[in-house]
Protein backbone atom coordinates (compact mmCIF):
# COMPACT_ATOMS: atom_id res chain seq x y z
CA MET A 1 0.00 0.00 0.00
CA LEU A 2 2.82 2.37 0.93
CA ARG A 3 4.66 1.58 -2.29
CA SER A 4 1.57 2.35 -4.44
CA LYS A 5 1.16 5.74 -2.71
CA GLN A 6 4.79 6.54 -3.48
CA LEU A 7 4.27 5.64 -7.14
CA ILE A 8 1.17 7.88 -7.33
CA LEU A 9 3.07 10.83 -5.76
CA LEU A 10 5.97 10.31 -8.16
CA LEU A 11 3.57 10.23 -11.13
CA LEU A 12 1.86 13.44 -9.99
CA PHE A 13 5.26 15.12 -9.55
CA LEU A 14 6.33 14.20 -13.09
CA LEU A 15 2.99 15.31 -14.54
CA SER A 16 3.21 18.69 -12.77
CA HIS A 17 6.67 19.31 -14.24
CA SER A 18 5.46 18.29 -17.68
CA PHE A 19 2.57 20.76 -17.33
CA LEU A 20 4.89 23.60 -16.31
CA PHE A 21 7.25 22.82 -19.13
CA ALA A 22 4.38 22.83 -21.58
CA GLN A 23 3.54 26.42 -20.57
CA ALA A 24 6.91 27.74 -21.81
CA LYS A 25 6.88 28.81 -25.45
CA LYS A 26 9.82 29.24 -27.81
CA ILE A 27 9.55 31.99 -30.40
CA THR A 28 11.78 33.33 -33.17
CA GLY A 29 11.78 36.43 -35.30
CA ILE A 30 13.60 39.33 -36.89
CA VAL A 31 13.63 43.05 -36.03
CA THR A 32 13.94 45.64 -38.81
CA ASP A 33 13.42 49.39 -39.09
CA ASN A 34 10.87 51.08 -41.34
CA THR A 35 13.40 51.09 -44.21
CA GLY A 36 13.79 47.30 -44.08
CA LYS A 37 17.27 47.38 -42.51
CA GLU A 38 17.98 44.87 -39.72
CA VAL A 39 18.30 46.29 -36.18
CA PRO A 40 21.15 44.60 -34.27
CA LEU A 41 21.32 44.49 -30.44
CA ALA A 42 17.65 45.42 -30.03
CA THR A 43 16.34 44.33 -26.62
CA ILE A 44 13.44 41.85 -26.47
CA THR A 45 11.87 41.69 -22.99
CA GLU A 46 8.92 39.73 -21.67
CA LYS A 47 6.81 42.42 -20.03
CA GLY A 48 6.62 42.25 -16.26
CA THR A 49 9.63 39.93 -15.96
CA ASN A 50 13.41 40.02 -16.09
CA ASN A 51 13.37 37.58 -19.02
CA SER A 52 15.06 39.26 -21.99
CA THR A 53 17.38 38.76 -24.95
CA VAL A 54 18.96 40.83 -27.72
CA THR A 55 18.95 40.48 -31.49
CA THR A 56 22.01 39.29 -33.38
CA SER A 57 23.98 41.33 -35.88
CA ASP A 58 21.45 40.43 -38.60
CA GLY A 59 18.41 41.34 -36.44
CA ASN A 60 17.32 37.76 -35.62
CA PHE A 61 16.39 36.43 -32.19
CA ASN A 62 15.40 33.19 -30.44
CA PHE A 63 13.44 33.61 -27.23
CA THR A 64 11.53 31.51 -24.72
CA VAL A 65 8.53 33.14 -23.01
CA SER A 66 6.31 31.89 -20.23
CA GLY A 67 3.16 31.37 -22.32
CA ASN A 68 0.77 32.42 -25.09
CA ASN A 69 -0.44 35.46 -23.11
CA SER A 70 3.01 37.00 -22.82
CA VAL A 71 3.70 40.52 -24.12
CA LEU A 72 7.00 41.35 -25.87
CA VAL A 73 8.59 44.78 -25.37
CA ILE A 74 11.03 45.62 -28.19
CA SER A 75 13.33 48.61 -27.74
CA SER A 76 16.54 50.04 -29.16
CA VAL A 77 18.33 53.38 -28.95
CA GLY A 78 17.06 55.74 -31.65
CA TYR A 79 13.88 53.72 -32.28
CA VAL A 80 10.31 53.86 -30.99
CA THR A 81 9.64 51.21 -28.32
CA LYS A 82 6.99 48.68 -29.37
CA GLU A 83 4.83 46.12 -27.52
CA ILE A 84 3.49 42.95 -29.19
CA LYS A 85 1.27 40.19 -27.75
CA VAL A 86 2.39 36.62 -28.45
CA ASN A 87 -1.17 35.25 -28.89
CA GLY A 88 0.04 31.77 -29.81
CA GLU A 89 2.37 32.93 -32.59
CA THR A 90 5.85 31.41 -32.90
CA SER A 91 7.43 33.60 -35.58
CA PHE A 92 7.53 37.38 -35.67
CA ASN A 93 8.57 40.02 -38.18
CA ILE A 94 8.84 43.17 -36.04
CA VAL A 95 9.28 46.65 -37.50
CA LEU A 96 10.68 49.37 -35.20
CA PRO A 97 10.04 52.91 -36.50
CA ILE A 98 12.96 55.33 -36.31
CA ALA A 99 12.46 57.99 -33.62
CA VAL A 100 11.88 60.97 -35.90
CA SER A 101 11.75 63.38 -32.94
CA ASN A 102 15.43 62.73 -32.23
CA LEU A 103 16.33 63.57 -35.82
CA GLY A 104 14.41 66.82 -35.59
CA GLU A 105 16.47 68.15 -32.69
CA VAL A 106 18.50 71.27 -33.41
CA VAL A 107 22.23 71.02 -32.72
CA VAL A 108 24.90 73.70 -32.80
CA VAL A 109 27.74 73.28 -35.29
CA GLY A 110 30.62 75.59 -36.04
CA TYR A 111 28.81 77.45 -38.78
CA GLY A 112 25.38 77.84 -37.16
CA THR A 113 22.58 75.44 -36.18
CA GLN A 114 21.19 72.46 -38.08
CA ARG A 115 18.69 69.70 -37.58
CA LYS A 116 20.35 66.54 -36.34
CA LYS A 117 19.28 64.51 -39.39
CA ASP A 118 21.03 67.01 -41.70
CA VAL A 119 24.39 66.86 -39.91
CA THR A 120 26.95 64.64 -41.65
CA GLY A 121 29.71 64.91 -39.03
CA ALA A 122 29.88 63.19 -35.63
CA VAL A 123 28.04 65.51 -33.23
CA THR A 124 26.96 64.66 -29.68
CA THR A 125 24.48 66.81 -27.80
CA ILE A 126 24.70 66.80 -24.01
CA ASN A 127 21.41 67.24 -22.17
CA THR A 128 21.67 70.34 -19.97
CA LYS A 129 18.15 70.26 -18.52
CA ASN A 130 19.35 68.73 -15.24
CA PHE A 131 22.51 70.80 -14.81
CA ASN A 132 20.96 72.91 -12.05
CA SER A 133 19.98 69.79 -10.08
CA ILE A 134 23.46 68.24 -10.01
CA PRO A 135 25.52 69.27 -6.94
CA VAL A 136 28.82 69.91 -8.74
CA SER A 137 31.07 72.94 -8.68
CA ASN A 138 31.55 73.43 -12.43
CA ALA A 139 29.97 72.62 -15.78
CA GLY A 140 32.72 70.20 -16.78
CA GLU A 141 31.89 67.81 -13.94
CA ALA A 142 28.19 67.98 -14.90
CA MET A 143 29.11 66.69 -18.39
CA GLU A 144 30.89 63.61 -17.06
CA GLY A 145 29.50 60.36 -18.48
CA LYS A 146 26.91 62.07 -20.68
CA ALA A 147 28.53 61.78 -24.13
CA ALA A 148 29.85 58.68 -25.87
CA GLY A 149 33.52 58.95 -26.79
CA VAL A 150 34.03 62.00 -24.54
CA GLN A 151 36.11 61.44 -21.41
CA VAL A 152 35.93 64.02 -18.63
CA ILE A 153 38.80 63.85 -16.13
CA SER A 154 38.58 65.78 -12.86
CA SER A 155 41.34 66.00 -10.28
CA GLY A 156 38.81 66.63 -7.52
CA SER A 157 40.71 69.63 -6.20
CA PRO A 158 38.45 72.62 -5.40
CA GLY A 159 38.45 75.09 -8.29
CA SER A 160 40.37 72.80 -10.64
CA ASN A 161 39.41 72.66 -14.30
CA VAL A 162 38.38 69.38 -15.91
CA THR A 163 40.30 67.79 -18.79
CA PHE A 164 38.44 66.64 -21.91
CA ARG A 165 39.58 63.78 -24.11
CA ILE A 166 37.52 63.20 -27.25
CA ARG A 167 38.01 59.68 -28.66
CA GLY A 168 41.18 59.22 -26.63
CA THR A 169 44.54 60.95 -26.73
CA GLY A 170 45.62 61.63 -30.31
CA THR A 171 48.93 63.41 -29.65
CA ILE A 172 51.74 63.51 -27.10
CA ASN A 173 51.41 67.30 -27.14
CA ASN A 174 48.33 69.26 -26.07
CA ALA A 175 45.35 66.95 -26.65
CA ASP A 176 42.70 69.31 -25.26
CA PRO A 177 39.72 70.08 -27.52
CA LEU A 178 38.91 73.63 -28.55
CA LEU A 179 36.38 75.34 -26.28
CA VAL A 180 33.95 77.69 -28.07
CA ILE A 181 31.52 79.76 -25.99
CA ASP A 182 28.75 81.56 -27.88
CA GLY A 183 30.71 81.25 -31.12
CA VAL A 184 33.96 82.67 -29.69
CA PRO A 185 36.98 80.31 -29.34
CA THR A 186 38.49 80.81 -25.90
CA ASP A 187 41.26 79.54 -23.66
CA ALA A 188 39.30 80.46 -20.53
CA PRO A 189 38.81 77.55 -18.13
CA LEU A 190 35.36 76.01 -18.12
CA ASN A 191 35.09 76.22 -14.34
CA ASN A 192 34.66 80.01 -14.69
CA LEU A 193 31.20 79.38 -16.15
CA ASN A 194 28.11 78.91 -14.00
CA PRO A 195 26.35 75.64 -15.04
CA ASP A 196 22.96 77.34 -14.61
CA ASP A 197 23.85 79.78 -17.43
CA ILE A 198 24.42 77.03 -20.04
CA ALA A 199 21.65 76.48 -22.59
CA SER A 200 23.25 73.76 -24.75
CA VAL A 201 26.47 71.76 -25.15
CA ASP A 202 27.44 70.12 -28.44
CA VAL A 203 30.64 68.18 -29.09
CA LEU A 204 32.17 67.92 -32.57
CA LYS A 205 34.13 64.68 -32.53
CA ASP A 206 35.42 64.04 -36.05
CA ALA A 207 37.79 65.63 -38.58
CA SER A 208 35.08 67.93 -39.97
CA ALA A 209 35.76 70.23 -37.00
CA ALA A 210 39.21 70.98 -38.45
CA ALA A 211 37.58 72.25 -41.65
CA ILE A 212 35.89 74.97 -39.58
CA TYR A 213 38.43 75.82 -36.89
CA GLY A 214 41.66 74.67 -38.52
CA SER A 215 44.33 72.92 -36.51
CA ARG A 216 42.81 74.14 -33.25
CA GLY A 217 39.91 71.75 -33.81
CA ALA A 218 42.11 68.71 -34.46
CA ASN A 219 41.31 67.29 -31.01
CA GLY A 220 37.60 68.02 -31.29
CA VAL A 221 35.49 71.02 -30.34
CA VAL A 222 33.21 71.64 -27.35
CA LEU A 223 30.53 74.18 -28.33
CA ILE A 224 28.73 75.89 -25.46
CA THR A 225 25.78 78.22 -25.91
CA THR A 226 24.72 80.30 -22.92
CA LYS A 227 21.15 81.26 -22.10
CA HIS A 228 19.42 84.24 -23.70
CA GLY A 229 16.17 85.98 -22.91
CA VAL A 230 12.98 85.15 -24.78
CA GLU A 231 10.07 87.29 -25.85
CA GLY A 232 7.44 87.71 -23.17
CA LYS A 233 7.15 88.65 -19.55
CA GLY A 234 10.26 88.89 -17.39
CA HIS A 235 11.28 85.65 -15.70
CA LEU A 236 13.07 85.54 -12.34
CA SER A 237 14.70 82.30 -11.19
CA PHE A 238 16.68 81.40 -8.09
CA ASN A 239 18.59 78.13 -7.71
CA PHE A 240 20.65 76.93 -4.80
CA PHE A 241 22.06 73.72 -3.41
CA THR A 242 24.02 72.57 -0.39
CA ALA A 243 26.18 69.46 -0.55
CA TRP A 244 28.63 67.66 1.70
CA GLN A 245 31.83 66.08 0.39
CA LYS A 246 33.66 63.25 2.08
CA ALA A 247 36.69 61.13 1.18
CA THR A 248 35.82 57.46 0.66
CA SER A 249 37.87 54.24 0.55
CA ILE A 250 40.59 55.74 2.75
CA VAL A 251 43.51 53.39 3.40
CA LYS A 252 43.38 52.04 6.93
CA MET A 253 46.60 52.96 8.72
CA LEU A 254 48.40 51.20 11.59
CA ASN A 255 48.08 52.68 15.07
CA ALA A 256 51.14 53.18 17.30
CA PRO A 257 51.23 49.67 18.91
CA GLN A 258 50.70 47.98 15.54
CA PHE A 259 53.45 50.01 13.91
CA ALA A 260 55.87 49.31 16.78
CA ALA A 261 55.12 45.57 16.68
CA LEU A 262 55.62 45.47 12.92
CA ASN A 263 58.88 47.41 13.23
CA ASN A 264 60.14 45.01 15.89
CA GLU A 265 59.24 42.03 13.72
CA LEU A 266 61.01 43.57 10.71
CA LEU A 267 64.24 44.18 12.68
CA SER A 268 64.07 40.75 14.31
CA ASN A 269 63.76 39.02 10.92
CA GLY A 270 66.82 40.94 9.76
CA ASN A 271 68.85 39.95 12.84
CA GLN A 272 69.07 43.59 13.92
CA ASN A 273 68.67 45.19 17.33
CA LYS A 274 65.16 46.40 18.12
CA ASN A 275 64.40 50.04 18.70
CA PRO A 276 64.41 50.63 22.49
CA ALA A 277 61.49 53.07 22.12
CA PHE A 278 59.36 50.20 20.80
CA ALA A 279 60.36 47.68 23.49
CA ASN A 280 56.79 47.49 24.83
CA PRO A 281 54.34 48.45 22.04
CA ASP A 282 51.25 48.17 24.29
CA THR A 283 52.35 51.18 26.34
CA LEU A 284 52.47 53.55 23.37
CA GLY A 285 48.73 54.28 23.20
CA THR A 286 46.80 54.58 19.95
CA GLY A 287 48.79 57.56 18.65
CA THR A 288 47.50 59.97 15.99
CA ASN A 289 45.87 58.94 12.72
CA TRP A 290 47.55 61.56 10.55
CA LEU A 291 45.73 60.50 7.40
CA GLY A 292 42.41 60.89 9.17
CA ALA A 293 43.50 64.27 10.49
CA LEU A 294 44.27 65.41 6.95
CA PHE A 295 40.74 64.83 5.60
CA ARG A 296 37.43 66.31 6.69
CA THR A 297 33.77 66.38 5.75
CA ALA A 298 33.50 69.56 3.70
CA PRO A 299 30.39 71.61 2.79
CA MET A 300 29.70 73.14 -0.63
CA GLN A 301 27.08 75.80 -1.34
CA ASN A 302 25.96 77.45 -4.55
CA TYR A 303 23.48 80.30 -5.05
CA SER A 304 22.37 81.50 -8.48
CA LEU A 305 19.92 84.30 -9.37
CA ALA A 306 18.85 85.07 -12.96
CA TYR A 307 16.40 87.44 -14.63
CA SER A 308 15.46 87.32 -18.31
CA GLY A 309 12.87 88.70 -20.69
CA GLY A 310 12.45 90.56 -23.94
CA SER A 311 10.25 91.83 -26.69
CA GLU A 312 10.00 91.25 -30.43
CA LYS A 313 13.12 93.33 -31.11
CA TYR A 314 15.13 92.97 -27.90
CA ASN A 315 15.88 90.33 -25.29
CA TYR A 316 18.15 90.13 -22.28
CA TYR A 317 19.48 87.67 -19.74
CA VAL A 318 21.41 88.65 -16.60
CA SER A 319 22.55 86.39 -13.79
CA GLY A 320 24.86 86.22 -10.82
CA SER A 321 26.10 83.30 -8.78
CA VAL A 322 28.21 82.56 -5.72
CA LEU A 323 29.95 79.22 -5.12
CA ASP A 324 31.68 78.41 -1.83
CA GLN A 325 33.40 75.02 -1.81
CA LYS A 326 35.47 73.77 1.10
CA GLY A 327 38.01 71.08 0.22
CA ILE A 328 38.02 67.66 1.85
CA VAL A 329 41.70 68.30 2.59
CA ILE A 330 42.17 70.82 5.39
CA ASN A 331 43.15 74.37 4.44
CA THR A 332 41.84 73.99 0.88
CA GLY A 333 38.81 75.62 -0.68
CA TYR A 334 37.47 77.60 -3.61
CA LYS A 335 35.16 80.59 -3.99
CA ARG A 336 33.71 81.76 -7.29
CA TYR A 337 31.66 84.84 -8.12
CA THR A 338 30.21 85.06 -11.63
CA VAL A 339 28.11 87.63 -13.47
CA GLN A 340 26.59 86.86 -16.87
CA PHE A 341 24.84 89.30 -19.20
CA ASN A 342 23.51 88.47 -22.67
CA SER A 343 21.41 90.71 -24.87
CA GLN A 344 20.28 90.74 -28.48
CA ALA A 345 18.65 93.62 -30.38
CA LYS A 346 17.25 94.11 -33.88
CA VAL A 347 18.39 97.68 -34.46
CA LEU A 348 17.36 98.28 -38.08
CA ASN A 349 14.31 96.01 -38.27
């Protein structure tokens, strides 16, 4: 009787696994854009789960979903995200439309502005909408990690200027890109500019920049456009932030007894006489952690006030800001006061 019950339980266990296995469904397909070109590395995700895959270099994919009622989410950078129900199908021909809105964006190039789809050179636009919400001391640090092929290197010292490297280091000499602010090439450091005053940042990354700026653009060009007033009522804005900076991953140092014991062990292994001052390490006390005494938790504050407005023939933008940054190393710090004024007028119109 006991053996028959065990056989029934084993049979039920196998049947339950067979039922679960039968629920899984294998599907295949190809992802193309609206021109018929295959879309490689498009992400296929089963909605509501972590189950996902990517298309191959020719746009094909093989995927196993949980059942016939699953919903596929297909997405790729530069394309409109699409959702498709499985509904018992096993083969899919998925068309992802190109995101036309991205191609309609206006970017700044050396000779004016163009729509992104009309630009033939390699241009990257950095989103500046969140600059005023990032607690950093200068605009260069706010650009870090926001543009492919653009490396932003910061020393971390208060008031220091960042270093840009566009597509790596191309020369053993000066590899800095050319900085152009409102159409004027400048050698002024970027940390002199208040991030709240920046309207757009575009990076020219290929050789076409040299055709505009000559040899100065050989390492790329960073184009910065500052804010201007717009037609309408005057607009007053005030931004501020307070942040705290702290050194992390500090090397743990030996205290006085540990250092004395290690010194005694070192001399003993070398058959040398021990230092009499370290004869009894336990009596030395903890000593002073000089590395810990060097660093501190440092505050940083920034206040920015701007007023802008204009009419059909004239607009203006004026701003002022104060930055007070204490360094995490004692006796270091940086203060910056900036004033920005932009105006445009149609004199003869």
